[in-house]
Amino acid sequence: MKFDQSLLEEMNLLLQFDLSSAATGIKVHSDASEEAKAAAQRLYEKQLCTQPDGGYLTDEGIEMAEHADRLLRRLASA
């Protein structure tokens, strides 16, 4: 399995959350790209965030965002 564009959009959105504070969420506004809005909806459907337009990360969402952050940092340092 490879990362397709929709998975990359979801990971990029996960990386927008502030992992230093669970009390900080995001909102994907109505004027955002269709891709960003769809990624937020998919994360919500996967129960990784609390609202279809972002909200806060769930416990599993925090874990996934931490993994995405580590993956990005490691690959970017190579």
PDB file of N, CA and C in Angstrom:
ATOM      1  N   MET A   1       0.845  -1.177   0.000  1.00  0.00           N
ATOM      2  CA  MET A   1       0.000   0.000   0.000  1.00  0.00           C
ATOM      3  C   MET A   1       0.891   1.241   0.000  1.00  0.00           C
ATOM      4  N   LYS A   2       0.518   2.217  -0.785  1.00  0.00           N
ATOM      5  CA  LYS A   2       1.254   3.471  -0.859  1.00  0.00           C
ATOM      6  C   LYS A   2       0.380   4.596  -0.334  1.00  0.00           C
ATOM      7  N   PHE A   3       1.019   5.708   0.015  1.00  0.00           N
ATOM      8  CA  PHE A   3       0.261   6.897   0.388  1.00  0.00           C
ATOM      9  C   PHE A   3      -0.351   7.481  -0.872  1.00  0.00           C
ATOM     10  N   ASP A   4      -1.675   7.584  -0.886  1.00  0.00           N
ATOM     11  CA  ASP A   4      -2.308   8.280  -1.995  1.00  0.00           C
ATOM     12  C   ASP A   4      -2.540   9.730  -1.568  1.00  0.00           C
ATOM     13  N   GLN A   5      -3.031  10.544  -2.462  1.00  0.00           N
ATOM     14  CA  GLN A   5      -3.180  11.967  -2.179  1.00  0.00           C
ATOM     15  C   GLN A   5      -4.109  12.228  -0.997  1.00  0.00           C
ATOM     16  N   SER A   6      -5.177  11.464  -0.873  1.00  0.00           N
ATOM     17  CA  SER A   6      -6.113  11.700   0.234  1.00  0.00           C
ATOM     18  C   SER A   6      -5.469  11.379   1.588  1.00  0.00           C
ATOM     19  N   LEU A   7      -4.644  10.346   1.648  1.00  0.00           N
ATOM     20  CA  LEU A   7      -3.944  10.030   2.896  1.00  0.00           C
ATOM     21  C   LEU A   7      -2.923  11.110   3.228  1.00  0.00           C
ATOM     22  N   LEU A   8      -2.228  11.622   2.222  1.00  0.00           N
ATOM     23  CA  LEU A   8      -1.283  12.710   2.458  1.00  0.00           C
ATOM     24  C   LEU A   8      -1.991  13.954   2.979  1.00  0.00           C
ATOM     25  N   GLU A   9      -3.167  14.240   2.448  1.00  0.00           N
ATOM     26  CA  GLU A   9      -3.942  15.389   2.918  1.00  0.00           C
ATOM     27  C   GLU A   9      -4.363  15.198   4.374  1.00  0.00           C
ATOM     28  N   GLU A  10      -4.739  13.987   4.737  1.00  0.00           N
ATOM     29  CA  GLU A  10      -5.099  13.706   6.122  1.00  0.00           C
ATOM     30  C   GLU A  10      -3.895  13.863   7.036  1.00  0.00           C
ATOM     31  N   MET A  11      -2.753  13.348   6.621  1.00  0.00           N
ATOM     32  CA  MET A  11      -1.550  13.486   7.446  1.00  0.00           C
ATOM     33  C   MET A  11      -1.146  14.949   7.572  1.00  0.00           C
ATOM     34  N   ASN A  12      -1.220  15.698   6.481  1.00  0.00           N
ATOM     35  CA  ASN A  12      -0.895  17.122   6.546  1.00  0.00           C
ATOM     36  C   ASN A  12      -1.839  17.854   7.491  1.00  0.00           C
ATOM     37  N   LEU A  13      -3.101  17.475   7.497  1.00  0.00           N
ATOM     38  CA  LEU A  13      -4.038  18.107   8.415  1.00  0.00           C
ATOM     39  C   LEU A  13      -3.734  17.712   9.858  1.00  0.00           C
ATOM     40  N   LEU A  14      -3.406  16.460  10.098  1.00  0.00           N
ATOM     41  CA  LEU A  14      -3.010  16.041  11.445  1.00  0.00           C
ATOM     42  C   LEU A  14      -1.826  16.857  11.947  1.00  0.00           C
ATOM     43  N   LEU A  15      -0.916  17.187  11.046  1.00  0.00           N
ATOM     44  CA  LEU A  15       0.267  17.955  11.427  1.00  0.00           C
ATOM     45  C   LEU A  15      -0.049  19.409  11.741  1.00  0.00           C
ATOM     46  N   GLN A  16      -1.255  19.867  11.426  1.00  0.00           N
ATOM     47  CA  GLN A  16      -1.654  21.238  11.747  1.00  0.00           C
ATOM     48  C   GLN A  16      -2.059  21.395  13.214  1.00  0.00           C
ATOM     49  N   PHE A  17      -2.374  20.291  13.880  1.00  0.00           N
ATOM     50  CA  PHE A  17      -2.753  20.353  15.284  1.00  0.00           C
ATOM     51  C   PHE A  17      -1.529  20.612  16.144  1.00  0.00           C
ATOM     52  N   ASP A  18      -1.704  21.392  17.188  1.00  0.00           N
ATOM     53  CA  ASP A  18      -0.636  21.696  18.137  1.00  0.00           C
ATOM     54  C   ASP A  18      -0.538  20.548  19.134  1.00  0.00           C
ATOM     55  N   LEU A  19       0.489  19.739  18.992  1.00  0.00           N
ATOM     56  CA  LEU A  19       0.634  18.562  19.854  1.00  0.00           C
ATOM     57  C   LEU A  19       1.101  18.914  21.257  1.00  0.00           C
ATOM     58  N   SER A  20       1.527  20.154  21.473  1.00  0.00           N
ATOM     59  CA  SER A  20       1.978  20.541  22.808  1.00  0.00           C
ATOM     60  C   SER A  20       0.808  20.871  23.728  1.00  0.00           C
ATOM     61  N   SER A  21      -0.399  20.965  23.168  1.00  0.00           N
ATOM     62  CA  SER A  21      -1.569  21.293  23.978  1.00  0.00           C
ATOM     63  C   SER A  21      -2.804  20.572  23.438  1.00  0.00           C
ATOM     64  N   ALA A  22      -3.319  19.659  24.231  1.00  0.00           N
ATOM     65  CA  ALA A  22      -4.526  18.938  23.823  1.00  0.00           C
ATOM     66  C   ALA A  22      -5.741  19.859  23.819  1.00  0.00           C
ATOM     67  N   ALA A  23      -5.615  21.038  24.434  1.00  0.00           N
ATOM     68  CA  ALA A  23      -6.722  21.988  24.508  1.00  0.00           C
ATOM     69  C   ALA A  23      -6.758  22.927  23.308  1.00  0.00           C
ATOM     70  N   THR A  24      -5.881  22.703  22.339  1.00  0.00           N
ATOM     71  CA  THR A  24      -5.845  23.535  21.143  1.00  0.00           C
ATOM     72  C   THR A  24      -6.340  22.715  19.960  1.00  0.00           C
ATOM     73  N   GLY A  25      -7.391  23.199  19.334  1.00  0.00           N
ATOM     74  CA  GLY A  25      -7.935  22.512  18.178  1.00  0.00           C
ATOM     75  C   GLY A  25      -7.720  23.333  16.918  1.00  0.00           C
ATOM     76  N   ILE A  26      -8.312  22.890  15.839  1.00  0.00           N
ATOM     77  CA  ILE A  26      -8.263  23.632  14.582  1.00  0.00           C
ATOM     78  C   ILE A  26      -9.668  23.696  14.000  1.00  0.00           C
ATOM     79  N   LYS A  27      -9.863  24.621  13.101  1.00  0.00           N
ATOM     80  CA  LYS A  27     -11.118  24.721  12.372  1.00  0.00           C
ATOM     81  C   LYS A  27     -10.784  24.867  10.907  1.00  0.00           C
ATOM     82  N   VAL A  28     -11.321  23.975  10.099  1.00  0.00           N
ATOM     83  CA  VAL A  28     -11.171  24.073   8.653  1.00  0.00           C
ATOM     84  C   VAL A  28     -12.352  24.922   8.179  1.00  0.00           C
ATOM     85  N   HIS A  29     -12.067  26.131   7.771  1.00  0.00           N
ATOM     86  CA  HIS A  29     -13.109  27.100   7.424  1.00  0.00           C
ATOM     87  C   HIS A  29     -13.772  26.754   6.091  1.00  0.00           C
ATOM     88  N   SER A  30     -14.933  27.335   5.881  1.00  0.00           N
ATOM     89  CA  SER A  30     -15.708  27.064   4.669  1.00  0.00           C
ATOM     90  C   SER A  30     -14.992  27.515   3.408  1.00  0.00           C
ATOM     91  N   ASP A  31     -14.050  28.470   3.526  1.00  0.00           N
ATOM     92  CA  ASP A  31     -13.319  28.923   2.343  1.00  0.00           C
ATOM     93  C   ASP A  31     -12.011  28.153   2.124  1.00  0.00           C
ATOM     94  N   ALA A  32     -11.788  27.101   2.938  1.00  0.00           N
ATOM     95  CA  ALA A  32     -10.606  26.246   2.754  1.00  0.00           C
ATOM     96  C   ALA A  32     -10.779  25.428   1.477  1.00  0.00           C
ATOM     97  N   SER A  33      -9.693  24.837   1.034  1.00  0.00           N
ATOM     98  CA  SER A  33      -9.763  23.999  -0.168  1.00  0.00           C
ATOM     99  C   SER A  33     -10.707  22.819   0.065  1.00  0.00           C
ATOM    100  N   GLU A  34     -11.279  22.344  -1.004  1.00  0.00           N
ATOM    101  CA  GLU A  34     -12.157  21.174  -0.914  1.00  0.00           C
ATOM    102  C   GLU A  34     -11.387  19.980  -0.361  1.00  0.00           C
ATOM    103  N   GLU A  35     -10.110  19.888  -0.704  1.00  0.00           N
ATOM    104  CA  GLU A  35      -9.274  18.779  -0.217  1.00  0.00           C
ATOM    105  C   GLU A  35      -9.128  18.826   1.296  1.00  0.00           C
ATOM    106  N   ALA A  36      -8.906  20.022   1.840  1.00  0.00           N
ATOM    107  CA  ALA A  36      -8.757  20.168   3.291  1.00  0.00           C
ATOM    108  C   ALA A  36     -10.063  19.848   4.008  1.00  0.00           C
ATOM    109  N   LYS A  37     -11.168  20.330   3.469  1.00  0.00           N
ATOM    110  CA  LYS A  37     -12.469  20.040   4.083  1.00  0.00           C
ATOM    111  C   LYS A  37     -12.759  18.542   4.045  1.00  0.00           C
ATOM    112  N   ALA A  38     -12.451  17.899   2.929  1.00  0.00           N
ATOM    113  CA  ALA A  38     -12.683  16.453   2.815  1.00  0.00           C
ATOM    114  C   ALA A  38     -11.777  15.675   3.762  1.00  0.00           C
ATOM    115  N   ALA A  39     -10.529  16.122   3.908  1.00  0.00           N
ATOM    116  CA  ALA A  39      -9.594  15.453   4.825  1.00  0.00           C
ATOM    117  C   ALA A  39     -10.102  15.558   6.259  1.00  0.00           C
ATOM    118  N   ALA A  40     -10.604  16.721   6.645  1.00  0.00           N
ATOM    119  CA  ALA A  40     -11.151  16.892   7.996  1.00  0.00           C
ATOM    120  C   ALA A  40     -12.339  15.962   8.210  1.00  0.00           C
ATOM    121  N   GLN A  41     -13.193  15.869   7.236  1.00  0.00           N
ATOM    122  CA  GLN A  41     -14.355  14.982   7.336  1.00  0.00           C
ATOM    123  C   GLN A  41     -13.911  13.524   7.494  1.00  0.00           C
ATOM    124  N   ARG A  42     -12.919  13.120   6.726  1.00  0.00           N
ATOM    125  CA  ARG A  42     -12.439  11.729   6.830  1.00  0.00           C
ATOM    126  C   ARG A  42     -11.811  11.464   8.201  1.00  0.00           C
ATOM    127  N   LEU A  43     -11.051  12.418   8.726  1.00  0.00           N
ATOM    128  CA  LEU A  43     -10.462  12.241  10.062  1.00  0.00           C
ATOM    129  C   LEU A  43     -11.564  12.111  11.108  1.00  0.00           C
ATOM    130  N   TYR A  44     -12.623  12.889  10.945  1.00  0.00           N
ATOM    131  CA  TYR A  44     -13.762  12.805  11.862  1.00  0.00           C
ATOM    132  C   TYR A  44     -14.430  11.436  11.753  1.00  0.00           C
ATOM    133  N   GLU A  45     -14.631  10.963  10.549  1.00  0.00           N
ATOM    134  CA  GLU A  45     -15.259   9.652  10.347  1.00  0.00           C
ATOM    135  C   GLU A  45     -14.404   8.529  10.913  1.00  0.00           C
ATOM    136  N   LYS A  46     -13.102   8.732  10.929  1.00  0.00           N
ATOM    137  CA  LYS A  46     -12.180   7.738  11.503  1.00  0.00           C
ATOM    138  C   LYS A  46     -12.018   7.917  13.007  1.00  0.00           C
ATOM    139  N   GLN A  47     -12.766   8.875  13.572  1.00  0.00           N
ATOM    140  CA  GLN A  47     -12.746   9.192  15.003  1.00  0.00           C
ATOM    141  C   GLN A  47     -11.379   9.653  15.490  1.00  0.00           C
ATOM    142  N   LEU A  48     -10.680  10.395  14.628  1.00  0.00           N
ATOM    143  CA  LEU A  48      -9.386  10.955  15.002  1.00  0.00           C
ATOM    144  C   LEU A  48      -9.507  12.405  15.452  1.00  0.00           C
ATOM    145  N   CYS A  49     -10.619  13.055  15.113  1.00  0.00           N
ATOM    146  CA  CYS A  49     -10.901  14.402  15.607  1.00  0.00           C
ATOM    147  C   CYS A  49     -12.374  14.482  15.991  1.00  0.00           C
ATOM    148  N   THR A  50     -12.725  15.540  16.725  1.00  0.00           N
ATOM    149  CA  THR A  50     -14.045  15.597  17.343  1.00  0.00           C
ATOM    150  C   THR A  50     -15.129  16.255  16.499  1.00  0.00           C
ATOM    151  N   GLN A  51     -14.764  16.955  15.437  1.00  0.00           N
ATOM    152  CA  GLN A  51     -15.739  17.652  14.609  1.00  0.00           C
ATOM    153  C   GLN A  51     -15.443  17.406  13.137  1.00  0.00           C
ATOM    154  N   PRO A  52     -16.453  17.435  12.279  1.00  0.00           N
ATOM    155  CA  PRO A  52     -16.212  17.215  10.848  1.00  0.00           C
ATOM    156  C   PRO A  52     -15.375  18.325  10.202  1.00  0.00           C
ATOM    157  N   ASP A  53     -15.232  19.463  10.902  1.00  0.00           N
ATOM    158  CA  ASP A  53     -14.390  20.541  10.379  1.00  0.00           C
ATOM    159  C   ASP A  53     -13.147  20.743  11.242  1.00  0.00           C
ATOM    160  N   GLY A  54     -12.753  19.711  11.964  1.00  0.00           N
ATOM    161  CA  GLY A  54     -11.536  19.766  12.781  1.00  0.00           C
ATOM    162  C   GLY A  54     -11.827  19.502  14.238  1.00  0.00           C
ATOM    163  N   GLY A  55     -11.978  20.582  15.003  1.00  0.00           N
ATOM    164  CA  GLY A  55     -12.206  20.417  16.433  1.00  0.00           C
ATOM    165  C   GLY A  55     -10.910  20.059  17.137  1.00  0.00           C
ATOM    166  N   TYR A  56     -11.002  19.095  18.022  1.00  0.00           N
ATOM    167  CA  TYR A  56      -9.849  18.630  18.785  1.00  0.00           C
ATOM    168  C   TYR A  56      -9.516  17.200  18.379  1.00  0.00           C
ATOM    169  N   LEU A  57      -8.283  16.822  18.609  1.00  0.00           N
ATOM    170  CA  LEU A  57      -7.899  15.437  18.349  1.00  0.00           C
ATOM    171  C   LEU A  57      -8.427  14.544  19.461  1.00  0.00           C
ATOM    172  N   THR A  58      -8.858  13.364  19.096  1.00  0.00           N
ATOM    173  CA  THR A  58      -9.198  12.344  20.075  1.00  0.00           C
ATOM    174  C   THR A  58      -7.888  11.742  20.584  1.00  0.00           C
ATOM    175  N   ASP A  59      -7.970  10.869  21.567  1.00  0.00           N
ATOM    176  CA  ASP A  59      -6.751  10.228  22.074  1.00  0.00           C
ATOM    177  C   ASP A  59      -6.022   9.496  20.945  1.00  0.00           C
ATOM    178  N   GLU A  60      -6.778   8.777  20.119  1.00  0.00           N
ATOM    179  CA  GLU A  60      -6.152   8.070  19.005  1.00  0.00           C
ATOM    180  C   GLU A  60      -5.623   9.063  17.970  1.00  0.00           C
ATOM    181  N   GLY A  61      -6.326  10.171  17.781  1.00  0.00           N
ATOM    182  CA  GLY A  61      -5.865  11.203  16.866  1.00  0.00           C
ATOM    183  C   GLY A  61      -4.539  11.798  17.309  1.00  0.00           C
ATOM    184  N   ILE A  62      -4.397  12.015  18.609  1.00  0.00           N
ATOM    185  CA  ILE A  62      -3.122  12.526  19.143  1.00  0.00           C
ATOM    186  C   ILE A  62      -2.014  11.543  18.837  1.00  0.00           C
ATOM    187  N   GLU A  63      -2.285  10.268  19.063  1.00  0.00           N
ATOM    188  CA  GLU A  63      -1.287   9.234  18.789  1.00  0.00           C
ATOM    189  C   GLU A  63      -0.897   9.223  17.312  1.00  0.00           C
ATOM    190  N   MET A  64      -1.892   9.308  16.427  1.00  0.00           N
ATOM    191  CA  MET A  64      -1.608   9.304  14.989  1.00  0.00           C
ATOM    192  C   MET A  64      -0.838  10.561  14.573  1.00  0.00           C
ATOM    193  N   ALA A  65      -1.196  11.708  15.145  1.00  0.00           N
ATOM    194  CA  ALA A  65      -0.494  12.954  14.828  1.00  0.00           C
ATOM    195  C   ALA A  65       0.960  12.886  15.303  1.00  0.00           C
ATOM    196  N   GLU A  66       1.185  12.272  16.450  1.00  0.00           N
ATOM    197  CA  GLU A  66       2.559  12.113  16.944  1.00  0.00           C
ATOM    198  C   GLU A  66       3.360  11.217  16.008  1.00  0.00           C
ATOM    199  N   HIS A  67       2.746  10.143  15.530  1.00  0.00           N
ATOM    200  CA  HIS A  67       3.430   9.265  14.573  1.00  0.00           C
ATOM    201  C   HIS A  67       3.739  10.006  13.277  1.00  0.00           C
ATOM    202  N   ALA A  68       2.773  10.758  12.782  1.00  0.00           N
ATOM    203  CA  ALA A  68       2.979  11.528  11.541  1.00  0.00           C
ATOM    204  C   ALA A  68       4.107  12.540  11.729  1.00  0.00           C
ATOM    205  N   ASP A  69       4.142  13.185  12.887  1.00  0.00           N
ATOM    206  CA  ASP A  69       5.188  14.162  13.172  1.00  0.00           C
ATOM    207  C   ASP A  69       6.562  13.498  13.208  1.00  0.00           C
ATOM    208  N   ARG A  70       6.657  12.351  13.861  1.00  0.00           N
ATOM    209  CA  ARG A  70       7.939  11.635  13.916  1.00  0.00           C
ATOM    210  C   ARG A  70       8.375  11.184  12.530  1.00  0.00           C
ATOM    211  N   LEU A  71       7.441  10.672  11.756  1.00  0.00           N
ATOM    212  CA  LEU A  71       7.755  10.224  10.401  1.00  0.00           C
ATOM    213  C   LEU A  71       8.271  11.389   9.560  1.00  0.00           C
ATOM    214  N   LEU A  72       7.570  12.509   9.607  1.00  0.00           N
ATOM    215  CA  LEU A  72       7.985  13.679   8.836  1.00  0.00           C
ATOM    216  C   LEU A  72       9.359  14.164   9.263  1.00  0.00           C
ATOM    217  N   ARG A  73       9.575  14.273  10.561  1.00  0.00           N
ATOM    218  CA  ARG A  73      10.887  14.755  11.061  1.00  0.00           C
ATOM    219  C   ARG A  73      12.016  13.828  10.637  1.00  0.00           C
ATOM    220  N   ARG A  74      11.780  12.532  10.731  1.00  0.00           N
ATOM    221  CA  ARG A  74      12.836  11.568  10.371  1.00  0.00           C
ATOM    222  C   ARG A  74      13.136  11.609   8.877  1.00  0.00           C
ATOM    223  N   LEU A  75      12.110  11.623   8.049  1.00  0.00           N
ATOM    224  CA  LEU A  75      12.329  11.639   6.614  1.00  0.00           C
ATOM    225  C   LEU A  75      12.936  12.966   6.156  1.00  0.00           C
ATOM    226  N   ALA A  76      12.564  14.059   6.805  1.00  0.00           N
ATOM    227  CA  ALA A  76      13.093  15.374   6.422  1.00  0.00           C
ATOM    228  C   ALA A  76      14.556  15.535   6.845  1.00  0.00           C
ATOM    229  N   SER A  77      15.004  14.750   7.810  1.00  0.00           N
ATOM    230  CA  SER A  77      16.389  14.894   8.285  1.00  0.00           C
ATOM    231  C   SER A  77      17.374  14.053   7.487  1.00  0.00           C
ATOM    232  N   ALA A  78      16.860  13.207   6.631  1.00  0.00           N
ATOM    233  CA  ALA A  78      17.746  12.309   5.881  1.00  0.00           C
ATOM    234  C   ALA A  78      18.418  13.010   4.723  1.00  0.00           C
TER     235      ALA A  78
END
